[in-house]
């Protein structure tokens, strides 16, 4: 069962008050030369922060706090992996050390 409209509005207001907009998240990846990848990374970054803030707002503890931490670690590791892969195999592909 989904949250009521009132609950959803309260959650949205909380999250909007604690998260920067999508362009801010996209600007964190301004060094990525592929615009499609840059947009995807911005999506992943904002969604990771969104879920974190949602669980933080619920005052997650015990097993839910551990799940929150695990989700963040996995999400950020995926973002880092995509960034590193792009830099190594696109931007530095001609470097003999790569």
N, C-alpha and C. Protein backbone atom coordinates (compact mmCIF):
# COMPACT_ATOMS: atom_id res chain seq x y z
N UNK A 1 0.84 -1.18 0.00
CA UNK A 1 0.00 0.00 0.00
C UNK A 1 0.89 1.24 0.00
N UNK A 2 0.61 2.14 -0.88
CA UNK A 2 1.41 3.36 -1.01
C UNK A 2 1.06 4.34 0.11
N UNK A 3 1.99 5.27 0.36
CA UNK A 3 1.73 6.33 1.34
C UNK A 3 0.57 7.20 0.85
N UNK A 4 -0.08 7.83 1.80
CA UNK A 4 -1.13 8.78 1.43
C UNK A 4 -0.49 10.00 0.76
N UNK A 5 -1.31 10.77 0.06
CA UNK A 5 -0.80 11.99 -0.60
C UNK A 5 -0.17 12.93 0.42
N UNK A 6 -0.77 13.04 1.58
CA UNK A 6 -0.24 13.91 2.64
C UNK A 6 1.13 13.45 3.12
N UNK A 7 1.28 12.15 3.31
CA UNK A 7 2.57 11.60 3.74
C UNK A 7 3.61 11.79 2.66
N UNK A 8 3.24 11.52 1.41
CA UNK A 8 4.17 11.70 0.29
C UNK A 8 4.61 13.15 0.19
N UNK A 9 3.69 14.08 0.37
CA UNK A 9 4.03 15.50 0.31
C UNK A 9 5.00 15.89 1.43
N UNK A 10 4.77 15.35 2.60
CA UNK A 10 5.66 15.63 3.74
C UNK A 10 7.05 15.06 3.48
N UNK A 11 7.12 13.87 2.93
CA UNK A 11 8.42 13.26 2.61
C UNK A 11 9.12 14.07 1.53
N UNK A 12 8.40 14.43 0.47
CA UNK A 12 8.99 15.24 -0.60
C UNK A 12 9.53 16.57 -0.07
N UNK A 13 8.76 17.21 0.80
CA UNK A 13 9.21 18.49 1.37
C UNK A 13 10.47 18.31 2.19
N UNK A 14 10.54 17.25 2.97
CA UNK A 14 11.74 16.96 3.76
C UNK A 14 12.94 16.74 2.85
N UNK A 15 12.76 15.90 1.84
CA UNK A 15 13.88 15.57 0.95
C UNK A 15 14.32 16.77 0.13
N UNK A 16 13.38 17.54 -0.39
CA UNK A 16 13.73 18.73 -1.17
C UNK A 16 14.48 19.75 -0.32
N UNK A 17 14.19 19.77 0.97
CA UNK A 17 14.88 20.69 1.87
C UNK A 17 16.27 20.24 2.26
N UNK A 18 16.61 18.97 1.94
CA UNK A 18 17.90 18.43 2.35
C UNK A 18 18.76 17.93 1.19
N UNK A 19 18.27 18.07 -0.02
CA UNK A 19 19.04 17.63 -1.18
C UNK A 19 19.18 18.76 -2.19
N UNK A 20 20.34 18.81 -2.81
CA UNK A 20 20.53 19.75 -3.91
C UNK A 20 19.78 19.24 -5.14
N UNK A 21 19.63 20.08 -6.13
CA UNK A 21 18.91 19.67 -7.33
C UNK A 21 19.78 18.78 -8.22
N UNK A 22 19.16 18.27 -9.28
CA UNK A 22 19.83 17.33 -10.17
C UNK A 22 21.06 17.97 -10.83
N UNK A 23 20.96 19.24 -11.22
CA UNK A 23 22.10 19.91 -11.87
C UNK A 23 23.32 19.97 -10.95
N UNK A 24 23.09 20.18 -9.65
CA UNK A 24 24.20 20.18 -8.70
C UNK A 24 24.89 18.83 -8.70
N UNK A 25 24.10 17.76 -8.70
CA UNK A 25 24.66 16.41 -8.72
C UNK A 25 25.40 16.15 -10.03
N UNK A 26 24.84 16.64 -11.12
CA UNK A 26 25.49 16.47 -12.43
C UNK A 26 26.82 17.21 -12.47
N UNK A 27 26.87 18.39 -11.87
CA UNK A 27 28.11 19.19 -11.88
C UNK A 27 29.25 18.51 -11.13
N UNK A 28 28.96 17.58 -10.25
CA UNK A 28 30.02 16.84 -9.55
C UNK A 28 30.81 15.98 -10.53
N UNK A 29 30.23 15.73 -11.70
CA UNK A 29 30.87 14.87 -12.71
C UNK A 29 31.25 15.66 -13.96
N UNK A 30 31.54 16.94 -13.81
CA UNK A 30 31.85 17.77 -14.97
C UNK A 30 33.14 17.36 -15.67
N UNK A 31 33.94 16.53 -15.03
CA UNK A 31 35.18 16.04 -15.63
C UNK A 31 34.96 14.81 -16.52
N UNK A 32 33.75 14.29 -16.55
CA UNK A 32 33.43 13.13 -17.39
C UNK A 32 33.11 13.63 -18.79
N UNK A 33 33.86 13.14 -19.77
CA UNK A 33 33.73 13.64 -21.14
C UNK A 33 32.51 13.11 -21.88
N UNK A 34 31.91 12.02 -21.43
CA UNK A 34 30.75 11.43 -22.08
C UNK A 34 29.47 11.98 -21.42
N UNK A 35 28.69 12.79 -22.15
CA UNK A 35 27.50 13.40 -21.53
C UNK A 35 26.45 12.38 -21.08
N UNK A 36 26.31 11.27 -21.79
CA UNK A 36 25.35 10.25 -21.40
C UNK A 36 25.76 9.62 -20.07
N UNK A 37 27.04 9.31 -19.94
CA UNK A 37 27.54 8.75 -18.69
C UNK A 37 27.42 9.77 -17.56
N UNK A 38 27.73 11.01 -17.85
CA UNK A 38 27.64 12.07 -16.84
C UNK A 38 26.21 12.17 -16.30
N UNK A 39 25.22 12.10 -17.19
CA UNK A 39 23.82 12.15 -16.77
C UNK A 39 23.46 10.92 -15.93
N UNK A 40 23.93 9.77 -16.37
CA UNK A 40 23.64 8.53 -15.63
C UNK A 40 24.27 8.57 -14.25
N UNK A 41 25.49 9.07 -14.16
CA UNK A 41 26.15 9.19 -12.85
C UNK A 41 25.39 10.17 -11.95
N UNK A 42 24.90 11.25 -12.51
CA UNK A 42 24.10 12.20 -11.74
C UNK A 42 22.84 11.53 -11.23
N UNK A 43 22.19 10.74 -12.08
CA UNK A 43 21.00 9.99 -11.65
C UNK A 43 21.31 9.06 -10.49
N UNK A 44 22.39 8.32 -10.62
CA UNK A 44 22.77 7.37 -9.57
C UNK A 44 23.13 8.09 -8.28
N UNK A 45 23.85 9.20 -8.41
CA UNK A 45 24.27 9.96 -7.24
C UNK A 45 23.06 10.54 -6.51
N UNK A 46 22.15 11.18 -7.22
CA UNK A 46 21.00 11.78 -6.55
C UNK A 46 20.08 10.71 -5.98
N UNK A 47 19.93 9.60 -6.67
CA UNK A 47 19.06 8.54 -6.14
C UNK A 47 19.66 7.91 -4.89
N UNK A 48 20.97 7.77 -4.86
CA UNK A 48 21.64 7.25 -3.66
C UNK A 48 21.44 8.19 -2.48
N UNK A 49 21.62 9.47 -2.72
CA UNK A 49 21.43 10.46 -1.66
C UNK A 49 19.96 10.53 -1.24
N UNK A 50 19.05 10.37 -2.19
CA UNK A 50 17.61 10.40 -1.91
C UNK A 50 17.24 9.27 -0.94
N UNK A 51 17.68 8.06 -1.26
CA UNK A 51 17.37 6.91 -0.40
C UNK A 51 18.02 7.09 0.98
N UNK A 52 19.25 7.59 1.01
CA UNK A 52 19.91 7.85 2.29
C UNK A 52 19.10 8.84 3.13
N UNK A 53 18.70 9.94 2.53
CA UNK A 53 17.94 10.96 3.26
C UNK A 53 16.57 10.42 3.70
N UNK A 54 15.96 9.60 2.88
CA UNK A 54 14.68 8.99 3.25
C UNK A 54 14.84 8.13 4.51
N UNK A 55 15.86 7.29 4.51
CA UNK A 55 16.10 6.43 5.67
C UNK A 55 16.58 7.23 6.87
N UNK A 56 17.37 8.26 6.64
CA UNK A 56 17.80 9.12 7.72
C UNK A 56 16.58 9.81 8.35
N UNK A 57 15.68 10.28 7.52
CA UNK A 57 14.47 10.93 8.01
C UNK A 57 13.59 9.99 8.82
N UNK A 58 13.69 8.70 8.53
CA UNK A 58 12.94 7.71 9.30
C UNK A 58 13.67 7.33 10.58
N UNK A 59 14.87 7.92 10.79
CA UNK A 59 15.71 7.59 11.96
C UNK A 59 16.01 6.09 12.00
N UNK A 60 16.46 5.58 10.84
CA UNK A 60 16.76 4.15 10.72
C UNK A 60 17.75 3.74 11.80
N UNK A 61 17.49 2.59 12.39
CA UNK A 61 18.43 2.03 13.35
C UNK A 61 18.44 0.51 13.20
N UNK A 62 19.31 -0.14 13.93
CA UNK A 62 19.42 -1.59 13.94
C UNK A 62 19.64 -2.12 12.51
N UNK A 63 18.83 -3.08 12.10
CA UNK A 63 19.02 -3.72 10.80
C UNK A 63 18.77 -2.75 9.64
N UNK A 64 17.85 -1.79 9.84
CA UNK A 64 17.57 -0.84 8.77
C UNK A 64 18.74 0.12 8.57
N UNK A 65 19.40 0.50 9.65
CA UNK A 65 20.59 1.34 9.54
C UNK A 65 21.70 0.59 8.81
N UNK A 66 21.88 -0.68 9.12
CA UNK A 66 22.88 -1.48 8.42
C UNK A 66 22.54 -1.59 6.93
N UNK A 67 21.26 -1.74 6.62
CA UNK A 67 20.84 -1.78 5.22
C UNK A 67 21.12 -0.44 4.54
N UNK A 68 20.86 0.64 5.24
CA UNK A 68 21.13 1.98 4.70
C UNK A 68 22.61 2.11 4.36
N UNK A 69 23.46 1.70 5.27
CA UNK A 69 24.92 1.79 5.05
C UNK A 69 25.34 0.89 3.89
N UNK A 70 24.82 -0.32 3.85
CA UNK A 70 25.17 -1.26 2.78
C UNK A 70 24.74 -0.72 1.41
N UNK A 71 23.53 -0.17 1.34
CA UNK A 71 23.06 0.40 0.08
C UNK A 71 23.94 1.55 -0.37
N UNK A 72 24.36 2.39 0.57
CA UNK A 72 25.24 3.50 0.21
C UNK A 72 26.58 2.99 -0.30
N UNK A 73 27.18 2.04 0.40
CA UNK A 73 28.48 1.52 -0.01
C UNK A 73 28.39 0.92 -1.41
N UNK A 74 27.38 0.11 -1.65
CA UNK A 74 27.23 -0.51 -2.97
C UNK A 74 26.99 0.53 -4.06
N UNK A 75 26.16 1.51 -3.77
CA UNK A 75 25.86 2.53 -4.76
C UNK A 75 27.07 3.39 -5.09
N UNK A 76 27.77 3.85 -4.06
CA UNK A 76 28.95 4.68 -4.31
C UNK A 76 30.06 3.88 -4.97
N UNK A 77 30.21 2.61 -4.61
CA UNK A 77 31.22 1.78 -5.27
C UNK A 77 30.91 1.64 -6.76
N UNK A 78 29.65 1.51 -7.12
CA UNK A 78 29.26 1.43 -8.53
C UNK A 78 29.56 2.73 -9.27
N UNK A 79 29.30 3.85 -8.60
CA UNK A 79 29.61 5.15 -9.21
C UNK A 79 31.11 5.28 -9.42
N UNK A 80 31.89 4.96 -8.38
CA UNK A 80 33.35 5.05 -8.49
C UNK A 80 33.87 4.14 -9.60
N UNK A 81 33.32 2.93 -9.68
CA UNK A 81 33.75 1.99 -10.71
C UNK A 81 33.52 2.56 -12.11
N UNK A 82 32.35 3.15 -12.33
CA UNK A 82 32.05 3.73 -13.64
C UNK A 82 32.97 4.90 -13.95
N UNK A 83 33.26 5.73 -12.96
CA UNK A 83 34.15 6.88 -13.17
C UNK A 83 35.56 6.40 -13.49
N UNK A 84 36.06 5.47 -12.70
CA UNK A 84 37.43 4.97 -12.91
C UNK A 84 37.54 4.28 -14.28
N UNK A 85 36.55 3.47 -14.62
CA UNK A 85 36.57 2.79 -15.92
C UNK A 85 36.60 3.81 -17.05
N UNK A 86 35.78 4.84 -16.96
CA UNK A 86 35.74 5.86 -18.01
C UNK A 86 37.09 6.58 -18.13
N UNK A 87 37.63 6.98 -17.01
CA UNK A 87 38.90 7.71 -17.04
C UNK A 87 40.01 6.83 -17.61
N UNK A 88 40.09 5.59 -17.16
CA UNK A 88 41.16 4.72 -17.62
C UNK A 88 41.01 4.32 -19.09
N UNK A 89 39.82 3.87 -19.46
CA UNK A 89 39.66 3.26 -20.78
C UNK A 89 39.12 4.18 -21.86
N UNK A 90 38.75 5.39 -21.49
CA UNK A 90 38.34 6.40 -22.48
C UNK A 90 39.34 7.56 -22.52
N UNK A 91 39.47 8.22 -21.38
CA UNK A 91 40.32 9.42 -21.34
C UNK A 91 41.81 9.09 -21.42
N UNK A 92 42.21 7.97 -20.83
CA UNK A 92 43.63 7.62 -20.80
C UNK A 92 43.94 6.37 -21.64
N UNK A 93 43.08 6.03 -22.55
CA UNK A 93 43.22 4.80 -23.33
C UNK A 93 44.54 4.76 -24.11
N UNK A 94 45.03 5.88 -24.54
CA UNK A 94 46.26 5.90 -25.34
C UNK A 94 47.52 5.90 -24.48
N UNK A 95 47.37 6.01 -23.19
CA UNK A 95 48.51 5.99 -22.28
C UNK A 95 49.06 4.57 -22.19
N UNK A 96 50.34 4.35 -22.49
CA UNK A 96 50.88 2.99 -22.48
C UNK A 96 50.84 2.34 -21.10
N UNK A 97 50.82 3.13 -20.04
CA UNK A 97 50.78 2.56 -18.69
C UNK A 97 49.40 1.99 -18.36
N UNK A 98 48.39 2.43 -19.09
CA UNK A 98 47.05 1.91 -18.86
C UNK A 98 46.90 0.61 -19.63
